[in-house]
């Protein structure tokens, strides 16, 4: 079983400034902004999941592939925040039972390269 989705790694603020979703933003974000972005990602992820949602029990593995815009980006700053949103959304949609250590057993992360026009994180759930 494999589910693959692509997620943006930037969002636009109310002033139309682009911000990278990452730990630097997360650490400094106002709680209302962070909550709004989290809800946005949960809705987006839910819309990208297959219509027939499988229920996966036991060990799950995530594979993340980053396409960055700026080579000064920090891989784990981006992946750590989006991983949290992805795993919570998968749990909320009942695809996975829980994202605790008993179920979420492995994570692979790689950098694919630069894509200035479409920076993104490709997320693959493997069970």
PDB file of N, CA and C in Angstrom:
ATOM      1  N   UNK A   1       0.836  -1.177   0.000  1.00  0.00           N
ATOM      2  CA  UNK A   1       0.000   0.000   0.000  1.00  0.00           C
ATOM      3  C   UNK A   1       0.878   1.236   0.000  1.00  0.00           C
ATOM      4  N   UNK A   2       0.627   2.156  -0.919  1.00  0.00           N
ATOM      5  CA  UNK A   2       1.374   3.396  -0.995  1.00  0.00           C
ATOM      6  C   UNK A   2       0.438   4.541  -1.338  1.00  0.00           C
ATOM      7  N   UNK A   3       0.585   5.639  -0.631  1.00  0.00           N
ATOM      8  CA  UNK A   3      -0.173   6.858  -0.906  1.00  0.00           C
ATOM      9  C   UNK A   3       0.854   7.960  -1.132  1.00  0.00           C
ATOM     10  N   UNK A   4       0.713   8.681  -2.251  1.00  0.00           N
ATOM     11  CA  UNK A   4       1.673   9.719  -2.593  1.00  0.00           C
ATOM     12  C   UNK A   4       0.939  11.038  -2.811  1.00  0.00           C
ATOM     13  N   UNK A   5       1.417  12.088  -2.137  1.00  0.00           N
ATOM     14  CA  UNK A   5       0.849  13.421  -2.314  1.00  0.00           C
ATOM     15  C   UNK A   5       1.978  14.438  -2.402  1.00  0.00           C
ATOM     16  N   UNK A   6       1.703  15.566  -3.049  1.00  0.00           N
ATOM     17  CA  UNK A   6       2.661  16.655  -3.148  1.00  0.00           C
ATOM     18  C   UNK A   6       2.100  17.861  -2.421  1.00  0.00           C
ATOM     19  N   UNK A   7       2.928  18.469  -1.575  1.00  0.00           N
ATOM     20  CA  UNK A   7       2.483  19.614  -0.788  1.00  0.00           C
ATOM     21  C   UNK A   7       3.377  20.817  -1.027  1.00  0.00           C
ATOM     22  N   UNK A   8       2.779  21.997  -1.062  1.00  0.00           N
ATOM     23  CA  UNK A   8       3.588  23.214  -1.179  1.00  0.00           C
ATOM     24  C   UNK A   8       4.364  23.446   0.113  1.00  0.00           C
ATOM     25  N   UNK A   9       5.498  24.107   0.002  1.00  0.00           N
ATOM     26  CA  UNK A   9       6.279  24.399   1.204  1.00  0.00           C
ATOM     27  C   UNK A   9       6.282  25.896   1.516  1.00  0.00           C
ATOM     28  N   UNK A  10       5.560  26.672   0.724  1.00  0.00           N
ATOM     29  CA  UNK A  10       5.415  28.104   0.973  1.00  0.00           C
ATOM     30  C   UNK A  10       3.930  28.428   1.083  1.00  0.00           C
ATOM     31  N   UNK A  11       3.613  29.463   1.850  1.00  0.00           N
ATOM     32  CA  UNK A  11       2.259  29.988   1.892  1.00  0.00           C
ATOM     33  C   UNK A  11       2.344  31.500   1.818  1.00  0.00           C
ATOM     34  N   UNK A  12       1.234  32.122   1.407  1.00  0.00           N
ATOM     35  CA  UNK A  12       1.176  33.584   1.323  1.00  0.00           C
ATOM     36  C   UNK A  12       0.451  34.126   2.537  1.00  0.00           C
ATOM     37  N   UNK A  13       1.044  35.155   3.114  1.00  0.00           N
ATOM     38  CA  UNK A  13       0.437  35.818   4.264  1.00  0.00           C
ATOM     39  C   UNK A  13      -0.637  36.782   3.781  1.00  0.00           C
ATOM     40  N   UNK A  14      -1.305  37.420   4.716  1.00  0.00           N
ATOM     41  CA  UNK A  14      -2.347  38.386   4.361  1.00  0.00           C
ATOM     42  C   UNK A  14      -1.774  39.569   3.589  1.00  0.00           C
ATOM     43  N   UNK A  15      -0.489  39.821   3.730  1.00  0.00           N
ATOM     44  CA  UNK A  15       0.159  40.905   2.976  1.00  0.00           C
ATOM     45  C   UNK A  15       0.766  40.387   1.666  1.00  0.00           C
ATOM     46  N   UNK A  16       0.434  39.143   1.302  1.00  0.00           N
ATOM     47  CA  UNK A  16       0.898  38.468   0.089  1.00  0.00           C
ATOM     48  C   UNK A  16       2.403  38.211   0.070  1.00  0.00           C
ATOM     49  N   UNK A  17       3.014  38.227   1.230  1.00  0.00           N
ATOM     50  CA  UNK A  17       4.421  37.851   1.351  1.00  0.00           C
ATOM     51  C   UNK A  17       4.498  36.332   1.446  1.00  0.00           C
ATOM     52  N   UNK A  18       5.455  35.722   0.720  1.00  0.00           N
ATOM     53  CA  UNK A  18       5.618  34.271   0.787  1.00  0.00           C
ATOM     54  C   UNK A  18       6.471  33.896   1.984  1.00  0.00           C
ATOM     55  N   UNK A  19       6.003  32.876   2.728  1.00  0.00           N
ATOM     56  CA  UNK A  19       6.757  32.371   3.870  1.00  0.00           C
ATOM     57  C   UNK A  19       6.974  30.879   3.707  1.00  0.00           C
ATOM     58  N   UNK A  20       8.162  30.442   4.052  1.00  0.00           N
ATOM     59  CA  UNK A  20       8.500  29.027   4.034  1.00  0.00           C
ATOM     60  C   UNK A  20       7.930  28.368   5.288  1.00  0.00           C
ATOM     61  N   UNK A  21       7.214  27.274   5.111  1.00  0.00           N
ATOM     62  CA  UNK A  21       6.707  26.526   6.252  1.00  0.00           C
ATOM     63  C   UNK A  21       7.883  25.740   6.813  1.00  0.00           C
ATOM     64  N   UNK A  22       8.344  26.136   7.969  1.00  0.00           N
ATOM     65  CA  UNK A  22       9.495  25.493   8.588  1.00  0.00           C
ATOM     66  C   UNK A  22       9.577  25.876  10.048  1.00  0.00           C
ATOM     67  N   UNK A  23      10.565  25.335  10.724  1.00  0.00           N
ATOM     68  CA  UNK A  23      10.700  25.572  12.155  1.00  0.00           C
ATOM     69  C   UNK A  23      10.953  27.036  12.495  1.00  0.00           C
ATOM     70  N   UNK A  24      11.668  27.755  11.654  1.00  0.00           N
ATOM     71  CA  UNK A  24      11.912  29.171  11.933  1.00  0.00           C
ATOM     72  C   UNK A  24      10.591  29.938  11.932  1.00  0.00           C
ATOM     73  N   UNK A  25       9.748  29.689  10.937  1.00  0.00           N
ATOM     74  CA  UNK A  25       8.428  30.310  10.910  1.00  0.00           C
ATOM     75  C   UNK A  25       7.586  29.822  12.085  1.00  0.00           C
ATOM     76  N   UNK A  26       7.541  28.527  12.287  1.00  0.00           N
ATOM     77  CA  UNK A  26       6.705  27.916  13.328  1.00  0.00           C
ATOM     78  C   UNK A  26       7.041  28.481  14.707  1.00  0.00           C
ATOM     79  N   UNK A  27       8.312  28.617  14.987  1.00  0.00           N
ATOM     80  CA  UNK A  27       8.760  29.114  16.283  1.00  0.00           C
ATOM     81  C   UNK A  27       8.272  30.539  16.540  1.00  0.00           C
ATOM     82  N   UNK A  28       8.217  31.366  15.486  1.00  0.00           N
ATOM     83  CA  UNK A  28       7.879  32.778  15.641  1.00  0.00           C
ATOM     84  C   UNK A  28       6.437  33.125  15.278  1.00  0.00           C
ATOM     85  N   UNK A  29       5.694  32.163  14.740  1.00  0.00           N
ATOM     86  CA  UNK A  29       4.338  32.463  14.259  1.00  0.00           C
ATOM     87  C   UNK A  29       3.383  32.734  15.414  1.00  0.00           C
ATOM     88  N   UNK A  30       2.467  33.630  15.157  1.00  0.00           N
ATOM     89  CA  UNK A  30       1.374  33.855  16.098  1.00  0.00           C
ATOM     90  C   UNK A  30       0.515  32.599  16.079  1.00  0.00           C
ATOM     91  N   UNK A  31      -0.035  32.219  17.214  1.00  0.00           N
ATOM     92  CA  UNK A  31      -0.776  30.958  17.295  1.00  0.00           C
ATOM     93  C   UNK A  31      -1.957  30.917  16.334  1.00  0.00           C
ATOM     94  N   UNK A  32      -2.565  32.061  16.046  1.00  0.00           N
ATOM     95  CA  UNK A  32      -3.691  32.059  15.106  1.00  0.00           C
ATOM     96  C   UNK A  32      -3.225  31.773  13.673  1.00  0.00           C
ATOM     97  N   UNK A  33      -2.075  32.314  13.310  1.00  0.00           N
ATOM     98  CA  UNK A  33      -1.523  32.040  11.984  1.00  0.00           C
ATOM     99  C   UNK A  33      -1.134  30.567  11.873  1.00  0.00           C
ATOM    100  N   UNK A  34      -0.472  30.028  12.899  1.00  0.00           N
ATOM    101  CA  UNK A  34      -0.061  28.620  12.867  1.00  0.00           C
ATOM    102  C   UNK A  34      -1.278  27.704  12.789  1.00  0.00           C
ATOM    103  N   UNK A  35      -2.324  28.016  13.549  1.00  0.00           N
ATOM    104  CA  UNK A  35      -3.547  27.211  13.514  1.00  0.00           C
ATOM    105  C   UNK A  35      -4.190  27.270  12.132  1.00  0.00           C
ATOM    106  N   UNK A  36      -4.220  28.443  11.529  1.00  0.00           N
ATOM    107  CA  UNK A  36      -4.803  28.589  10.186  1.00  0.00           C
ATOM    108  C   UNK A  36      -4.023  27.776   9.158  1.00  0.00           C
ATOM    109  N   UNK A  37      -2.698  27.796   9.241  1.00  0.00           N
ATOM    110  CA  UNK A  37      -1.875  27.035   8.297  1.00  0.00           C
ATOM    111  C   UNK A  37      -2.043  25.538   8.530  1.00  0.00           C
ATOM    112  N   UNK A  38      -2.089  25.131   9.782  1.00  0.00           N
ATOM    113  CA  UNK A  38      -2.305  23.709  10.090  1.00  0.00           C
ATOM    114  C   UNK A  38      -3.639  23.240   9.518  1.00  0.00           C
ATOM    115  N   UNK A  39      -4.704  24.014   9.694  1.00  0.00           N
ATOM    116  CA  UNK A  39      -6.022  23.652   9.150  1.00  0.00           C
ATOM    117  C   UNK A  39      -5.988  23.622   7.627  1.00  0.00           C
ATOM    118  N   UNK A  40      -5.277  24.571   7.029  1.00  0.00           N
ATOM    119  CA  UNK A  40      -5.132  24.578   5.573  1.00  0.00           C
ATOM    120  C   UNK A  40      -4.479  23.289   5.091  1.00  0.00           C
ATOM    121  N   UNK A  41      -3.385  22.897   5.730  1.00  0.00           N
ATOM    122  CA  UNK A  41      -2.700  21.661   5.334  1.00  0.00           C
ATOM    123  C   UNK A  41      -3.589  20.442   5.565  1.00  0.00           C
ATOM    124  N   UNK A  42      -4.314  20.396   6.643  1.00  0.00           N
ATOM    125  CA  UNK A  42      -5.201  19.251   6.899  1.00  0.00           C
ATOM    126  C   UNK A  42      -6.264  19.144   5.807  1.00  0.00           C
ATOM    127  N   UNK A  43      -6.861  20.277   5.425  1.00  0.00           N
ATOM    128  CA  UNK A  43      -7.868  20.256   4.341  1.00  0.00           C
ATOM    129  C   UNK A  43      -7.228  19.856   3.014  1.00  0.00           C
ATOM    130  N   UNK A  44      -6.065  20.417   2.730  1.00  0.00           N
ATOM    131  CA  UNK A  44      -5.369  20.102   1.477  1.00  0.00           C
ATOM    132  C   UNK A  44      -5.020  18.621   1.419  1.00  0.00           C
ATOM    133  N   UNK A  45      -4.452  18.092   2.470  1.00  0.00           N
ATOM    134  CA  UNK A  45      -4.071  16.676   2.509  1.00  0.00           C
ATOM    135  C   UNK A  45      -5.301  15.801   2.346  1.00  0.00           C
ATOM    136  N   UNK A  46      -6.389  16.125   3.056  1.00  0.00           N
ATOM    137  CA  UNK A  46      -7.631  15.345   2.940  1.00  0.00           C
ATOM    138  C   UNK A  46      -8.142  15.347   1.503  1.00  0.00           C
ATOM    139  N   UNK A  47      -8.010  16.465   0.806  1.00  0.00           N
ATOM    140  CA  UNK A  47      -8.488  16.547  -0.581  1.00  0.00           C
ATOM    141  C   UNK A  47      -7.606  15.760  -1.548  1.00  0.00           C
ATOM    142  N   UNK A  48      -6.349  15.514  -1.174  1.00  0.00           N
ATOM    143  CA  UNK A  48      -5.418  14.792  -2.048  1.00  0.00           C
ATOM    144  C   UNK A  48      -5.396  13.284  -1.803  1.00  0.00           C
ATOM    145  N   UNK A  49      -6.028  12.843  -0.731  1.00  0.00           N
ATOM    146  CA  UNK A  49      -6.047  11.412  -0.412  1.00  0.00           C
ATOM    147  C   UNK A  49      -6.998  10.674  -1.339  1.00  0.00           C
ATOM    148  N   UNK A  50      -6.774   9.379  -1.564  1.00  0.00           N
ATOM    149  CA  UNK A  50      -7.676   8.613  -2.423  1.00  0.00           C
ATOM    150  C   UNK A  50      -9.092   8.587  -1.847  1.00  0.00           C
ATOM    151  N   UNK A  51     -10.085   8.533  -2.730  1.00  0.00           N
ATOM    152  CA  UNK A  51     -11.488   8.520  -2.291  1.00  0.00           C
ATOM    153  C   UNK A  51     -11.771   7.322  -1.390  1.00  0.00           C
ATOM    154  N   UNK A  52     -11.275   6.161  -1.801  1.00  0.00           N
ATOM    155  CA  UNK A  52     -11.427   4.961  -0.969  1.00  0.00           C
ATOM    156  C   UNK A  52     -10.256   4.956   0.010  1.00  0.00           C
ATOM    157  N   UNK A  53     -10.483   5.520   1.168  1.00  0.00           N
ATOM    158  CA  UNK A  53      -9.397   5.659   2.144  1.00  0.00           C
ATOM    159  C   UNK A  53      -9.111   4.323   2.824  1.00  0.00           C
ATOM    160  N   UNK A  54      -7.911   3.808   2.639  1.00  0.00           N
ATOM    161  CA  UNK A  54      -7.547   2.558   3.312  1.00  0.00           C
ATOM    162  C   UNK A  54      -7.322   2.818   4.796  1.00  0.00           C
ATOM    163  N   UNK A  55      -7.508   1.812   5.603  1.00  0.00           N
ATOM    164  CA  UNK A  55      -7.171   1.910   7.024  1.00  0.00           C
ATOM    165  C   UNK A  55      -5.949   1.030   7.244  1.00  0.00           C
ATOM    166  N   UNK A  56      -4.855   1.666   7.600  1.00  0.00           N
ATOM    167  CA  UNK A  56      -3.586   0.967   7.749  1.00  0.00           C
ATOM    168  C   UNK A  56      -3.296   0.781   9.232  1.00  0.00           C
ATOM    169  N   UNK A  57      -3.076  -0.464   9.604  1.00  0.00           N
ATOM    170  CA  UNK A  57      -2.692  -0.746  10.988  1.00  0.00           C
ATOM    171  C   UNK A  57      -1.255  -1.245  11.001  1.00  0.00           C
ATOM    172  N   UNK A  58      -0.611  -1.066  12.109  1.00  0.00           N
ATOM    173  CA  UNK A  58       0.769  -1.534  12.222  1.00  0.00           C
ATOM    174  C   UNK A  58       1.756  -0.497  11.738  1.00  0.00           C
ATOM    175  N   UNK A  59       2.910  -0.984  11.322  1.00  0.00           N
ATOM    176  CA  UNK A  59       4.025  -0.114  10.968  1.00  0.00           C
ATOM    177  C   UNK A  59       3.786   0.676   9.689  1.00  0.00           C
ATOM    178  N   UNK A  60       4.080   1.963   9.761  1.00  0.00           N
ATOM    179  CA  UNK A  60       4.047   2.801   8.574  1.00  0.00           C
ATOM    180  C   UNK A  60       5.397   3.478   8.416  1.00  0.00           C
ATOM    181  N   UNK A  61       5.681   3.821   7.184  1.00  0.00           N
ATOM    182  CA  UNK A  61       6.942   4.473   6.842  1.00  0.00           C
ATOM    183  C   UNK A  61       6.604   5.660   5.955  1.00  0.00           C
ATOM    184  N   UNK A  62       7.281   6.759   6.156  1.00  0.00           N
ATOM    185  CA  UNK A  62       7.104   7.918   5.298  1.00  0.00           C
ATOM    186  C   UNK A  62       8.387   8.161   4.514  1.00  0.00           C
ATOM    187  N   UNK A  63       8.211   8.559   3.262  1.00  0.00           N
ATOM    188  CA  UNK A  63       9.327   8.984   2.424  1.00  0.00           C
ATOM    189  C   UNK A  63       9.042  10.417   1.998  1.00  0.00           C
ATOM    190  N   UNK A  64       9.983  11.288   2.250  1.00  0.00           N
ATOM    191  CA  UNK A  64       9.833  12.688   1.864  1.00  0.00           C
ATOM    192  C   UNK A  64      10.910  13.051   0.860  1.00  0.00           C
ATOM    193  N   UNK A  65      10.508  13.754  -0.191  1.00  0.00           N
ATOM    194  CA  UNK A  65      11.443  14.235  -1.199  1.00  0.00           C
ATOM    195  C   UNK A  65      11.218  15.731  -1.348  1.00  0.00           C
ATOM    196  N   UNK A  66      12.255  16.505  -1.063  1.00  0.00           N
ATOM    197  CA  UNK A  66      12.153  17.962  -1.084  1.00  0.00           C
ATOM    198  C   UNK A  66      12.677  18.528  -2.390  1.00  0.00           C
ATOM    199  N   UNK A  67      11.887  19.406  -2.988  1.00  0.00           N
ATOM    200  CA  UNK A  67      12.285  20.223  -4.125  1.00  0.00           C
ATOM    201  C   UNK A  67      12.314  21.659  -3.595  1.00  0.00           C
ATOM    202  N   UNK A  68      13.490  22.202  -3.414  1.00  0.00           N
ATOM    203  CA  UNK A  68      13.636  23.493  -2.748  1.00  0.00           C
ATOM    204  C   UNK A  68      13.678  24.646  -3.748  1.00  0.00           C
ATOM    205  N   UNK A  69      13.346  25.823  -3.248  1.00  0.00           N
ATOM    206  CA  UNK A  69      13.426  27.045  -4.039  1.00  0.00           C
ATOM    207  C   UNK A  69      14.774  27.723  -3.804  1.00  0.00           C
ATOM    208  N   UNK A  70      15.173  27.775  -2.547  1.00  0.00           N
ATOM    209  CA  UNK A  70      16.383  28.473  -2.131  1.00  0.00           C
ATOM    210  C   UNK A  70      17.364  27.454  -1.549  1.00  0.00           C
ATOM    211  N   UNK A  71      18.565  27.447  -2.061  1.00  0.00           N
ATOM    212  CA  UNK A  71      19.548  26.458  -1.605  1.00  0.00           C
ATOM    213  C   UNK A  71      20.001  26.700  -0.166  1.00  0.00           C
ATOM    214  N   UNK A  72      19.632  27.812   0.413  1.00  0.00           N
ATOM    215  CA  UNK A  72      19.963  28.086   1.811  1.00  0.00           C
ATOM    216  C   UNK A  72      18.931  27.499   2.769  1.00  0.00           C
ATOM    217  N   UNK A  73      17.885  26.872   2.224  1.00  0.00           N
ATOM    218  CA  UNK A  73      16.860  26.244   3.061  1.00  0.00           C
ATOM    219  C   UNK A  73      17.476  25.114   3.869  1.00  0.00           C
ATOM    220  N   UNK A  74      16.897  24.866   5.012  1.00  0.00           N
ATOM    221  CA  UNK A  74      17.350  23.807   5.910  1.00  0.00           C
ATOM    222  C   UNK A  74      16.361  22.645   5.793  1.00  0.00           C
ATOM    223  N   UNK A  75      16.831  21.510   5.352  1.00  0.00           N
ATOM    224  CA  UNK A  75      15.985  20.343   5.090  1.00  0.00           C
ATOM    225  C   UNK A  75      15.053  20.012   6.248  1.00  0.00           C
ATOM    226  N   UNK A  76      15.606  19.839   7.427  1.00  0.00           N
ATOM    227  CA  UNK A  76      14.787  19.410   8.568  1.00  0.00           C
ATOM    228  C   UNK A  76      13.871  20.507   9.080  1.00  0.00           C
ATOM    229  N   UNK A  77      14.210  21.773   8.870  1.00  0.00           N
ATOM    230  CA  UNK A  77      13.292  22.852   9.246  1.00  0.00           C
ATOM    231  C   UNK A  77      11.972  22.696   8.515  1.00  0.00           C
ATOM    232  N   UNK A  78      12.035  22.341   7.247  1.00  0.00           N
ATOM    233  CA  UNK A  78      10.825  22.196   6.437  1.00  0.00           C
ATOM    234  C   UNK A  78      10.128  20.873   6.732  1.00  0.00           C
ATOM    235  N   UNK A  79      10.860  19.789   6.664  1.00  0.00           N
ATOM    236  CA  UNK A  79      10.248  18.462   6.789  1.00  0.00           C
ATOM    237  C   UNK A  79       9.618  18.253   8.159  1.00  0.00           C
ATOM    238  N   UNK A  80      10.221  18.732   9.211  1.00  0.00           N
ATOM    239  CA  UNK A  80       9.695  18.467  10.553  1.00  0.00           C
ATOM    240  C   UNK A  80       8.290  19.036  10.750  1.00  0.00           C
ATOM    241  N   UNK A  81       8.050  20.249  10.285  1.00  0.00           N
ATOM    242  CA  UNK A  81       6.728  20.859  10.461  1.00  0.00           C
ATOM    243  C   UNK A  81       5.700  20.176   9.566  1.00  0.00           C
ATOM    244  N   UNK A  82       6.032  19.984   8.309  1.00  0.00           N
ATOM    245  CA  UNK A  82       5.066  19.376   7.388  1.00  0.00           C
ATOM    246  C   UNK A  82       4.816  17.922   7.756  1.00  0.00           C
ATOM    247  N   UNK A  83       5.826  17.204   8.240  1.00  0.00           N
ATOM    248  CA  UNK A  83       5.620  15.831   8.698  1.00  0.00           C
ATOM    249  C   UNK A  83       4.557  15.795   9.797  1.00  0.00           C
ATOM    250  N   UNK A  84       4.624  16.725  10.715  1.00  0.00           N
ATOM    251  CA  UNK A  84       3.632  16.772  11.795  1.00  0.00           C
ATOM    252  C   UNK A  84       2.236  16.990  11.227  1.00  0.00           C
ATOM    253  N   UNK A  85       2.102  17.908  10.290  1.00  0.00           N
ATOM    254  CA  UNK A  85       0.791  18.157   9.674  1.00  0.00           C
ATOM    255  C   UNK A  85       0.294  16.935   8.902  1.00  0.00           C
ATOM    256  N   UNK A  86       1.192  16.282   8.167  1.00  0.00           N
ATOM    257  CA  UNK A  86       0.810  15.099   7.383  1.00  0.00           C
ATOM    258  C   UNK A  86       0.347  13.965   8.300  1.00  0.00           C
ATOM    259  N   UNK A  87       1.145  13.663   9.298  1.00  0.00           N
ATOM    260  CA  UNK A  87       0.794  12.540  10.177  1.00  0.00           C
ATOM    261  C   UNK A  87      -0.505  12.816  10.945  1.00  0.00           C
ATOM    262  N   UNK A  88      -0.694  14.026  11.411  1.00  0.00           N
ATOM    263  CA  UNK A  88      -1.942  14.363  12.096  1.00  0.00           C
ATOM    264  C   UNK A  88      -3.139  14.268  11.151  1.00  0.00           C
ATOM    265  N   UNK A  89      -2.960  14.710   9.907  1.00  0.00           N
ATOM    266  CA  UNK A  89      -4.052  14.633   8.926  1.00  0.00           C
ATOM    267  C   UNK A  89      -4.377  13.181   8.577  1.00  0.00           C
ATOM    268  N   UNK A  90      -3.354  12.327   8.468  1.00  0.00           N
ATOM    269  CA  UNK A  90      -3.603  10.906   8.186  1.00  0.00           C
ATOM    270  C   UNK A  90      -4.326  10.239   9.349  1.00  0.00           C
ATOM    271  N   UNK A  91      -3.984  10.639  10.542  1.00  0.00           N
ATOM    272  CA  UNK A  91      -4.664  10.096  11.719  1.00  0.00           C
ATOM    273  C   UNK A  91      -6.098  10.625  11.793  1.00  0.00           C
ATOM    274  N   UNK A  92      -6.276  11.906  11.528  1.00  0.00           N
ATOM    275  CA  UNK A  92      -7.605  12.531  11.550  1.00  0.00           C
ATOM    276  C   UNK A  92      -8.535  11.898  10.514  1.00  0.00           C
ATOM    277  N   UNK A  93      -7.985  11.538   9.358  1.00  0.00           N
ATOM    278  CA  UNK A  93      -8.794  10.928   8.299  1.00  0.00           C
ATOM    279  C   UNK A  93      -8.945   9.415   8.482  1.00  0.00           C
ATOM    280  N   UNK A  94      -8.380   8.886   9.565  1.00  0.00           N
ATOM    281  CA  UNK A  94      -8.486   7.475   9.951  1.00  0.00           C
ATOM    282  C   UNK A  94      -7.766   6.522   9.000  1.00  0.00           C
ATOM    283  N   UNK A  95      -6.790   7.042   8.250  1.00  0.00           N
ATOM    284  CA  UNK A  95      -5.968   6.170   7.408  1.00  0.00           C
ATOM    285  C   UNK A  95      -4.970   5.421   8.279  1.00  0.00           C
ATOM    286  N   UNK A  96      -4.399   6.129   9.235  1.00  0.00           N
ATOM    287  CA  UNK A  96      -3.535   5.456  10.203  1.00  0.00           C
ATOM    288  C   UNK A  96      -4.190   5.558  11.575  1.00  0.00           C
ATOM    289  N   UNK A  97      -3.892   4.586  12.407  1.00  0.00           N
ATOM    290  CA  UNK A  97      -4.486   4.533  13.741  1.00  0.00           C
ATOM    291  C   UNK A  97      -3.890   5.599  14.652  1.00  0.00           C
ATOM    292  N   UNK A  98      -2.571   5.728  14.600  1.00  0.00           N
ATOM    293  CA  UNK A  98      -1.886   6.661  15.466  1.00  0.00           C
ATOM    294  C   UNK A  98      -0.511   6.923  14.863  1.00  0.00           C
ATOM    295  N   UNK A  99       0.055   8.086  15.164  1.00  0.00           N
ATOM    296  CA  UNK A  99       1.402   8.381  14.659  1.00  0.00           C
ATOM    297  C   UNK A  99       2.445   8.276  15.775  1.00  0.00           C
ATOM    298  N   UNK A 100       2.145   7.445  16.756  1.00  0.00           N
ATOM    299  CA  UNK A 100       3.104   7.247  17.847  1.00  0.00           C
ATOM    300  C   UNK A 100       4.212   6.276  17.421  1.00  0.00           C
ATOM    301  N   UNK A 101       5.135   6.019  18.332  1.00  0.00           N
ATOM    302  CA  UNK A 101       6.293   5.170  18.023  1.00  0.00           C
ATOM    303  C   UNK A 101       5.938   3.713  17.751  1.00  0.00           C
ATOM    304  N   UNK A 102       4.780   3.278  18.171  1.00  0.00           N
ATOM    305  CA  UNK A 102       4.366   1.902  17.896  1.00  0.00           C
ATOM    306  C   UNK A 102       3.957   1.723  16.436  1.00  0.00           C
ATOM    307  N   UNK A 103       3.566   2.800  15.776  1.00  0.00           N
ATOM    308  CA  UNK A 103       3.086   2.721  14.399  1.00  0.00           C
ATOM    309  C   UNK A 103       3.998   3.414  13.390  1.00  0.00           C
ATOM    310  N   UNK A 104       4.462   4.596  13.727  1.00  0.00           N
ATOM    311  CA  UNK A 104       5.305   5.370  12.819  1.00  0.00           C
ATOM    312  C   UNK A 104       6.748   4.972  13.093  1.00  0.00           C
ATOM    313  N   UNK A 105       7.262   4.052  12.282  1.00  0.00           N
ATOM    314  CA  UNK A 105       8.532   3.394  12.583  1.00  0.00           C
ATOM    315  C   UNK A 105       9.723   3.874  11.759  1.00  0.00           C
ATOM    316  N   UNK A 106       9.453   4.516  10.630  1.00  0.00           N
ATOM    317  CA  UNK A 106      10.581   4.878   9.781  1.00  0.00           C
ATOM    318  C   UNK A 106      10.245   6.099   8.936  1.00  0.00           C
ATOM    319  N   UNK A 107      11.278   6.908   8.703  1.00  0.00           N
ATOM    320  CA  UNK A 107      11.126   8.099   7.878  1.00  0.00           C
ATOM    321  C   UNK A 107      12.390   8.244   7.035  1.00  0.00           C
ATOM    322  N   UNK A 108      12.212   8.361   5.727  1.00  0.00           N
ATOM    323  CA  UNK A 108      13.337   8.592   4.814  1.00  0.00           C
ATOM    324  C   UNK A 108      13.161   9.971   4.207  1.00  0.00           C
ATOM    325  N   UNK A 109      14.237  10.717   4.161  1.00  0.00           N
ATOM    326  CA  UNK A 109      14.178  12.080   3.645  1.00  0.00           C
ATOM    327  C   UNK A 109      15.323  12.286   2.661  1.00  0.00           C
ATOM    328  N   UNK A 110      14.984  12.877   1.516  1.00  0.00           N
ATOM    329  CA  UNK A 110      16.046  13.190   0.562  1.00  0.00           C
ATOM    330  C   UNK A 110      15.738  14.510  -0.135  1.00  0.00           C
ATOM    331  N   UNK A 111      16.773  15.111  -0.639  1.00  0.00           N
ATOM    332  CA  UNK A 111      16.664  16.333  -1.412  1.00  0.00           C
ATOM    333  C   UNK A 111      16.777  15.946  -2.880  1.00  0.00           C
ATOM    334  N   UNK A 112      15.764  16.291  -3.661  1.00  0.00           N
ATOM    335  CA  UNK A 112      15.775  15.932  -5.077  1.00  0.00           C
ATOM    336  C   UNK A 112      16.483  16.988  -5.912  1.00  0.00           C
ATOM    337  N   UNK A 113      16.353  18.237  -5.499  1.00  0.00           N
ATOM    338  CA  UNK A 113      16.985  19.305  -6.255  1.00  0.00           C
ATOM    339  C   UNK A 113      16.187  20.585  -6.166  1.00  0.00           C
ATOM    340  N   UNK A 114      16.643  21.561  -6.939  1.00  0.00           N
ATOM    341  CA  UNK A 114      16.025  22.869  -6.905  1.00  0.00           C
ATOM    342  C   UNK A 114      14.894  22.955  -7.929  1.00  0.00           C
ATOM    343  N   UNK A 115      13.795  23.583  -7.538  1.00  0.00           N
ATOM    344  CA  UNK A 115      12.689  23.879  -8.436  1.00  0.00           C
ATOM    345  C   UNK A 115      12.133  25.239  -8.011  1.00  0.00           C
ATOM    346  N   UNK A 116      12.635  26.293  -8.624  1.00  0.00           N
ATOM    347  CA  UNK A 116      12.246  27.644  -8.228  1.00  0.00           C
ATOM    348  C   UNK A 116      10.780  27.943  -8.533  1.00  0.00           C
ATOM    349  N   UNK A 117      10.221  27.279  -9.535  1.00  0.00           N
ATOM    350  CA  UNK A 117       8.823  27.536  -9.920  1.00  0.00           C
ATOM    351  C   UNK A 117       7.822  26.744  -9.091  1.00  0.00           C
ATOM    352  N   UNK A 118       8.208  25.573  -8.616  1.00  0.00           N
ATOM    353  CA  UNK A 118       7.281  24.725  -7.866  1.00  0.00           C
ATOM    354  C   UNK A 118       8.006  24.026  -6.706  1.00  0.00           C
ATOM    355  N   UNK A 119       8.444  24.792  -5.714  1.00  0.00           N
ATOM    356  CA  UNK A 119       9.058  24.145  -4.555  1.00  0.00           C
ATOM    357  C   UNK A 119       7.995  23.345  -3.810  1.00  0.00           C
ATOM    358  N   UNK A 120       8.353  22.120  -3.408  1.00  0.00           N
ATOM    359  CA  UNK A 120       7.331  21.246  -2.824  1.00  0.00           C
ATOM    360  C   UNK A 120       7.983  20.131  -2.035  1.00  0.00           C
ATOM    361  N   UNK A 121       7.132  19.437  -1.290  1.00  0.00           N
ATOM    362  CA  UNK A 121       7.552  18.249  -0.574  1.00  0.00           C
ATOM    363  C   UNK A 121       6.665  17.096  -1.036  1.00  0.00           C
ATOM    364  N   UNK A 122       7.272  16.091  -1.636  1.00  0.00           N
ATOM    365  CA  UNK A 122       6.552  14.901  -2.063  1.00  0.00           C
ATOM    366  C   UNK A 122       6.530  13.950  -0.871  1.00  0.00           C
ATOM    367  N   UNK A 123       5.333  13.527  -0.491  1.00  0.00           N
ATOM    368  CA  UNK A 123       5.144  12.696   0.711  1.00  0.00           C
ATOM    369  C   UNK A 123       4.582  11.348   0.275  1.00  0.00           C
ATOM    370  N   UNK A 124       5.255  10.280   0.660  1.00  0.00           N
ATOM    371  CA  UNK A 124       4.800   8.933   0.315  1.00  0.00           C
ATOM    372  C   UNK A 124       4.648   8.106   1.581  1.00  0.00           C
ATOM    373  N   UNK A 125       3.448   7.636   1.807  1.00  0.00           N
ATOM    374  CA  UNK A 125       3.157   6.738   2.919  1.00  0.00           C
ATOM    375  C   UNK A 125       3.281   5.310   2.401  1.00  0.00           C
ATOM    376  N   UNK A 126       4.100   4.517   3.059  1.00  0.00           N
ATOM    377  CA  UNK A 126       4.305   3.132   2.659  1.00  0.00           C
ATOM    378  C   UNK A 126       3.945   2.244   3.851  1.00  0.00           C
ATOM    379  N   UNK A 127       3.109   1.259   3.586  1.00  0.00           N
ATOM    380  CA  UNK A 127       2.728   0.328   4.662  1.00  0.00           C
ATOM    381  C   UNK A 127       2.980  -1.085   4.220  1.00  0.00           C
TER     382      UNK A 127
END
